[in-house]
Amino acid sequence: MLAVKTGERKLTPEKEVLDLKLSDYLVEVDASDNLSYQDALIIAMKRERAAFKLYSDMAEKVTDANLKQVSVGLAKEEAKHKLFFKTEYEDRVLMHN
């Protein structure tokens, strides 16, 4: 950064900057101190869904094979997490209402 400030180096990106649009993957959170178990599960499912979408979209955009493989693997892990919370929601919330 100092080299840029002193003029020794110019900021000229050599490659196009990839906008991952991270804000598109954020979820609304209404977390409070009095959060019910049902609400906590809903928030968890939404977060896992957003993370899955992020990694899936990243896998589609990257060209490096290793990075693509890592992104696909992370997406699969997030899908497993979401399934866990969905199952928990069905077993603990839906079955008791």
N, C-alpha and C. Protein backbone atom coordinates (compact mmCIF):
# COMPACT_ATOMS: atom_id res chain seq x y z
N MET A 1 0.82 -1.17 0.00
CA MET A 1 0.00 0.00 0.00
C MET A 1 0.87 1.25 0.00
N LEU A 2 1.98 1.19 0.69
CA LEU A 2 2.88 2.34 0.73
C LEU A 2 3.43 2.63 -0.67
N ALA A 3 3.72 1.58 -1.43
CA ALA A 3 4.24 1.76 -2.79
C ALA A 3 3.22 2.48 -3.66
N VAL A 4 1.96 2.24 -3.44
CA VAL A 4 0.91 2.92 -4.20
C VAL A 4 0.86 4.39 -3.78
N LYS A 5 0.95 4.64 -2.49
CA LYS A 5 0.91 6.01 -1.99
C LYS A 5 2.08 6.84 -2.50
N THR A 6 3.25 6.24 -2.58
CA THR A 6 4.44 6.98 -3.02
C THR A 6 4.57 7.04 -4.53
N GLY A 7 3.70 6.33 -5.24
CA GLY A 7 3.73 6.37 -6.70
C GLY A 7 4.64 5.33 -7.33
N GLU A 8 5.25 4.48 -6.52
CA GLU A 8 6.12 3.45 -7.05
C GLU A 8 5.33 2.36 -7.79
N ARG A 9 4.10 2.21 -7.41
CA ARG A 9 3.25 1.19 -8.03
C ARG A 9 1.89 1.79 -8.30
N LYS A 10 1.33 1.46 -9.45
CA LYS A 10 0.01 1.95 -9.81
C LYS A 10 -1.02 0.85 -9.62
N LEU A 11 -2.19 1.24 -9.28
CA LEU A 11 -3.28 0.29 -9.14
C LEU A 11 -3.92 0.06 -10.50
N THR A 12 -3.49 -0.97 -11.16
CA THR A 12 -4.07 -1.33 -12.45
C THR A 12 -4.34 -2.82 -12.44
N PRO A 13 -5.58 -3.19 -12.23
CA PRO A 13 -5.88 -4.63 -12.20
C PRO A 13 -5.57 -5.28 -13.53
N GLU A 14 -4.86 -6.40 -13.46
CA GLU A 14 -4.49 -7.13 -14.67
C GLU A 14 -5.64 -7.99 -15.16
N LYS A 15 -6.49 -8.40 -14.26
CA LYS A 15 -7.61 -9.24 -14.61
C LYS A 15 -8.91 -8.53 -14.23
N GLU A 16 -9.97 -8.95 -14.85
CA GLU A 16 -11.27 -8.42 -14.49
C GLU A 16 -11.61 -8.85 -13.06
N VAL A 17 -12.15 -7.95 -12.30
CA VAL A 17 -12.50 -8.24 -10.92
C VAL A 17 -13.82 -9.00 -10.90
N LEU A 18 -13.83 -10.13 -10.24
CA LEU A 18 -15.02 -10.95 -10.14
C LEU A 18 -15.84 -10.50 -8.94
N ASP A 19 -17.05 -10.05 -9.21
CA ASP A 19 -17.95 -9.62 -8.14
C ASP A 19 -18.76 -10.83 -7.69
N LEU A 20 -18.48 -11.32 -6.50
CA LEU A 20 -19.20 -12.47 -5.98
C LEU A 20 -20.57 -12.11 -5.42
N LYS A 21 -20.86 -10.82 -5.31
CA LYS A 21 -22.16 -10.33 -4.83
C LYS A 21 -22.53 -10.98 -3.50
N LEU A 22 -21.60 -10.92 -2.57
CA LEU A 22 -21.80 -11.57 -1.28
C LEU A 22 -23.07 -11.10 -0.57
N SER A 23 -23.43 -9.84 -0.76
CA SER A 23 -24.63 -9.35 -0.08
C SER A 23 -25.89 -10.06 -0.57
N ASP A 24 -25.84 -10.66 -1.76
CA ASP A 24 -26.98 -11.42 -2.26
C ASP A 24 -27.22 -12.70 -1.46
N TYR A 25 -26.23 -13.11 -0.69
CA TYR A 25 -26.31 -14.37 0.03
C TYR A 25 -26.54 -14.19 1.53
N LEU A 26 -26.71 -12.96 1.95
CA LEU A 26 -26.95 -12.70 3.37
C LEU A 26 -28.43 -12.89 3.68
N VAL A 27 -28.72 -13.33 4.87
CA VAL A 27 -30.10 -13.56 5.27
C VAL A 27 -30.50 -12.57 6.35
N GLU A 28 -31.79 -12.28 6.39
CA GLU A 28 -32.32 -11.42 7.43
C GLU A 28 -32.27 -12.19 8.75
N VAL A 29 -31.83 -11.54 9.78
CA VAL A 29 -31.74 -12.19 11.08
C VAL A 29 -32.48 -11.34 12.10
N ASP A 30 -33.45 -11.95 12.74
CA ASP A 30 -34.16 -11.30 13.82
C ASP A 30 -33.84 -12.02 15.12
N ALA A 31 -32.56 -12.18 15.36
CA ALA A 31 -32.12 -12.89 16.56
C ALA A 31 -32.23 -11.96 17.77
N SER A 32 -32.68 -12.54 18.85
CA SER A 32 -32.79 -11.79 20.10
C SER A 32 -32.42 -12.71 21.25
N ASP A 33 -32.42 -12.15 22.43
CA ASP A 33 -32.11 -12.96 23.62
C ASP A 33 -33.21 -13.98 23.90
N ASN A 34 -34.40 -13.73 23.41
CA ASN A 34 -35.54 -14.60 23.68
C ASN A 34 -35.90 -15.44 22.46
N LEU A 35 -34.93 -15.84 21.71
CA LEU A 35 -35.15 -16.60 20.48
C LEU A 35 -35.68 -17.99 20.80
N SER A 36 -36.77 -18.36 20.14
CA SER A 36 -37.32 -19.70 20.35
C SER A 36 -36.49 -20.71 19.56
N TYR A 37 -36.64 -21.97 19.93
CA TYR A 37 -35.93 -23.03 19.22
C TYR A 37 -36.38 -23.07 17.76
N GLN A 38 -37.66 -22.88 17.54
CA GLN A 38 -38.20 -22.87 16.18
C GLN A 38 -37.56 -21.76 15.36
N ASP A 39 -37.49 -20.56 15.91
CA ASP A 39 -36.88 -19.44 15.20
C ASP A 39 -35.40 -19.67 14.94
N ALA A 40 -34.71 -20.26 15.91
CA ALA A 40 -33.29 -20.56 15.74
C ALA A 40 -33.08 -21.54 14.59
N LEU A 41 -33.94 -22.54 14.50
CA LEU A 41 -33.84 -23.51 13.40
C LEU A 41 -34.12 -22.85 12.06
N ILE A 42 -35.09 -21.95 12.02
CA ILE A 42 -35.41 -21.25 10.78
C ILE A 42 -34.23 -20.39 10.33
N ILE A 43 -33.63 -19.68 11.26
CA ILE A 43 -32.46 -18.86 10.93
C ILE A 43 -31.32 -19.75 10.44
N ALA A 44 -31.11 -20.87 11.11
CA ALA A 44 -30.04 -21.78 10.71
C ALA A 44 -30.27 -22.32 9.30
N MET A 45 -31.51 -22.70 8.99
CA MET A 45 -31.81 -23.21 7.64
C MET A 45 -31.58 -22.15 6.58
N LYS A 46 -31.98 -20.91 6.87
CA LYS A 46 -31.78 -19.82 5.91
C LYS A 46 -30.30 -19.54 5.69
N ARG A 47 -29.53 -19.59 6.76
CA ARG A 47 -28.09 -19.35 6.62
C ARG A 47 -27.41 -20.46 5.83
N GLU A 48 -27.80 -21.68 6.08
CA GLU A 48 -27.22 -22.81 5.34
C GLU A 48 -27.62 -22.74 3.87
N ARG A 49 -28.85 -22.36 3.59
CA ARG A 49 -29.30 -22.20 2.20
C ARG A 49 -28.48 -21.12 1.50
N ALA A 50 -28.26 -19.99 2.18
CA ALA A 50 -27.49 -18.90 1.60
C ALA A 50 -26.04 -19.34 1.35
N ALA A 51 -25.45 -20.07 2.28
CA ALA A 51 -24.08 -20.55 2.11
C ALA A 51 -24.00 -21.54 0.96
N PHE A 52 -24.99 -22.43 0.85
CA PHE A 52 -25.03 -23.38 -0.26
C PHE A 52 -25.08 -22.64 -1.60
N LYS A 53 -25.92 -21.63 -1.68
CA LYS A 53 -26.05 -20.87 -2.93
C LYS A 53 -24.75 -20.14 -3.25
N LEU A 54 -24.11 -19.58 -2.25
CA LEU A 54 -22.84 -18.88 -2.45
C LEU A 54 -21.81 -19.82 -3.05
N TYR A 55 -21.61 -20.99 -2.43
CA TYR A 55 -20.59 -21.93 -2.90
C TYR A 55 -20.97 -22.53 -4.27
N SER A 56 -22.24 -22.77 -4.49
CA SER A 56 -22.69 -23.29 -5.79
C SER A 56 -22.42 -22.28 -6.90
N ASP A 57 -22.78 -21.04 -6.64
CA ASP A 57 -22.55 -19.99 -7.63
C ASP A 57 -21.06 -19.76 -7.86
N MET A 58 -20.28 -19.84 -6.79
CA MET A 58 -18.84 -19.68 -6.92
C MET A 58 -18.26 -20.80 -7.79
N ALA A 59 -18.75 -22.01 -7.59
CA ALA A 59 -18.26 -23.15 -8.38
C ALA A 59 -18.55 -22.95 -9.86
N GLU A 60 -19.66 -22.31 -10.17
CA GLU A 60 -20.01 -22.06 -11.57
C GLU A 60 -19.12 -20.98 -12.20
N LYS A 61 -18.64 -20.05 -11.40
CA LYS A 61 -17.91 -18.90 -11.93
C LYS A 61 -16.40 -19.09 -12.03
N VAL A 62 -15.83 -19.90 -11.15
CA VAL A 62 -14.37 -20.03 -11.13
C VAL A 62 -13.90 -20.94 -12.26
N THR A 63 -12.71 -20.67 -12.73
CA THR A 63 -12.16 -21.47 -13.83
C THR A 63 -11.11 -22.47 -13.34
N ASP A 64 -10.52 -22.22 -12.18
CA ASP A 64 -9.53 -23.12 -11.64
C ASP A 64 -10.21 -24.41 -11.18
N ALA A 65 -9.76 -25.55 -11.67
CA ALA A 65 -10.39 -26.84 -11.37
C ALA A 65 -10.35 -27.18 -9.88
N ASN A 66 -9.25 -26.89 -9.23
CA ASN A 66 -9.14 -27.18 -7.79
C ASN A 66 -10.10 -26.32 -6.98
N LEU A 67 -10.17 -25.04 -7.32
CA LEU A 67 -11.08 -24.14 -6.62
C LEU A 67 -12.53 -24.53 -6.88
N LYS A 68 -12.82 -24.96 -8.09
CA LYS A 68 -14.17 -25.42 -8.42
C LYS A 68 -14.52 -26.63 -7.56
N GLN A 69 -13.59 -27.58 -7.44
CA GLN A 69 -13.82 -28.79 -6.66
C GLN A 69 -14.05 -28.45 -5.18
N VAL A 70 -13.27 -27.53 -4.65
CA VAL A 70 -13.43 -27.11 -3.26
C VAL A 70 -14.80 -26.45 -3.07
N SER A 71 -15.19 -25.60 -4.00
CA SER A 71 -16.47 -24.91 -3.90
C SER A 71 -17.64 -25.89 -3.95
N VAL A 72 -17.56 -26.87 -4.83
CA VAL A 72 -18.61 -27.89 -4.91
C VAL A 72 -18.66 -28.69 -3.61
N GLY A 73 -17.50 -29.03 -3.07
CA GLY A 73 -17.45 -29.76 -1.80
C GLY A 73 -18.05 -28.96 -0.66
N LEU A 74 -17.76 -27.67 -0.62
CA LEU A 74 -18.33 -26.82 0.42
C LEU A 74 -19.84 -26.69 0.27
N ALA A 75 -20.31 -26.59 -0.97
CA ALA A 75 -21.75 -26.52 -1.21
C ALA A 75 -22.44 -27.79 -0.71
N LYS A 76 -21.83 -28.93 -0.96
CA LYS A 76 -22.40 -30.19 -0.48
C LYS A 76 -22.47 -30.24 1.04
N GLU A 77 -21.43 -29.73 1.70
CA GLU A 77 -21.43 -29.70 3.17
C GLU A 77 -22.56 -28.81 3.68
N GLU A 78 -22.75 -27.67 3.05
CA GLU A 78 -23.82 -26.77 3.48
C GLU A 78 -25.18 -27.41 3.26
N ALA A 79 -25.33 -28.17 2.19
CA ALA A 79 -26.59 -28.88 1.93
C ALA A 79 -26.86 -29.90 3.04
N LYS A 80 -25.81 -30.57 3.50
CA LYS A 80 -25.97 -31.53 4.60
C LYS A 80 -26.41 -30.82 5.88
N HIS A 81 -25.79 -29.67 6.14
CA HIS A 81 -26.15 -28.91 7.34
C HIS A 81 -27.62 -28.48 7.28
N LYS A 82 -28.04 -27.99 6.10
CA LYS A 82 -29.42 -27.56 5.95
C LYS A 82 -30.37 -28.73 6.16
N LEU A 83 -30.03 -29.88 5.62
CA LEU A 83 -30.85 -31.07 5.79
C LEU A 83 -30.96 -31.45 7.27
N PHE A 84 -29.86 -31.33 8.00
CA PHE A 84 -29.89 -31.62 9.44
C PHE A 84 -30.90 -30.71 10.14
N PHE A 85 -30.82 -29.39 9.87
CA PHE A 85 -31.72 -28.45 10.53
C PHE A 85 -33.17 -28.65 10.07
N LYS A 86 -33.37 -29.00 8.82
CA LYS A 86 -34.71 -29.26 8.30
C LYS A 86 -35.31 -30.48 8.99
N THR A 87 -34.52 -31.51 9.13
CA THR A 87 -34.99 -32.72 9.81
C THR A 87 -35.30 -32.42 11.27
N GLU A 88 -34.44 -31.68 11.90
CA GLU A 88 -34.66 -31.28 13.30
C GLU A 88 -35.95 -30.47 13.42
N TYR A 89 -36.16 -29.56 12.49
CA TYR A 89 -37.37 -28.73 12.49
C TYR A 89 -38.62 -29.61 12.33
N GLU A 90 -38.57 -30.54 11.40
CA GLU A 90 -39.71 -31.42 11.17
C GLU A 90 -39.99 -32.30 12.38
N ASP A 91 -38.92 -32.84 12.98
CA ASP A 91 -39.07 -33.75 14.12
C ASP A 91 -39.48 -33.03 15.41
N ARG A 92 -38.93 -31.87 15.65
CA ARG A 92 -39.13 -31.20 16.94
C ARG A 92 -40.22 -30.14 16.93
N VAL A 93 -40.46 -29.52 15.76
CA VAL A 93 -41.42 -28.42 15.70
C VAL A 93 -42.72 -28.86 15.05
N LEU A 94 -42.63 -29.37 13.84
CA LEU A 94 -43.85 -29.73 13.11
C LEU A 94 -44.60 -30.88 13.77
N MET A 95 -43.89 -31.83 14.31
CA MET A 95 -44.53 -33.00 14.91
C MET A 95 -45.24 -32.64 16.23
N HIS A 96 -44.86 -31.54 16.85
CA HIS A 96 -45.45 -31.16 18.14
C HIS A 96 -46.47 -30.04 18.00
N ASN A 97 -46.77 -29.63 16.79
CA ASN A 97 -47.77 -28.57 16.58
C ASN A 97 -48.97 -29.09 15.83
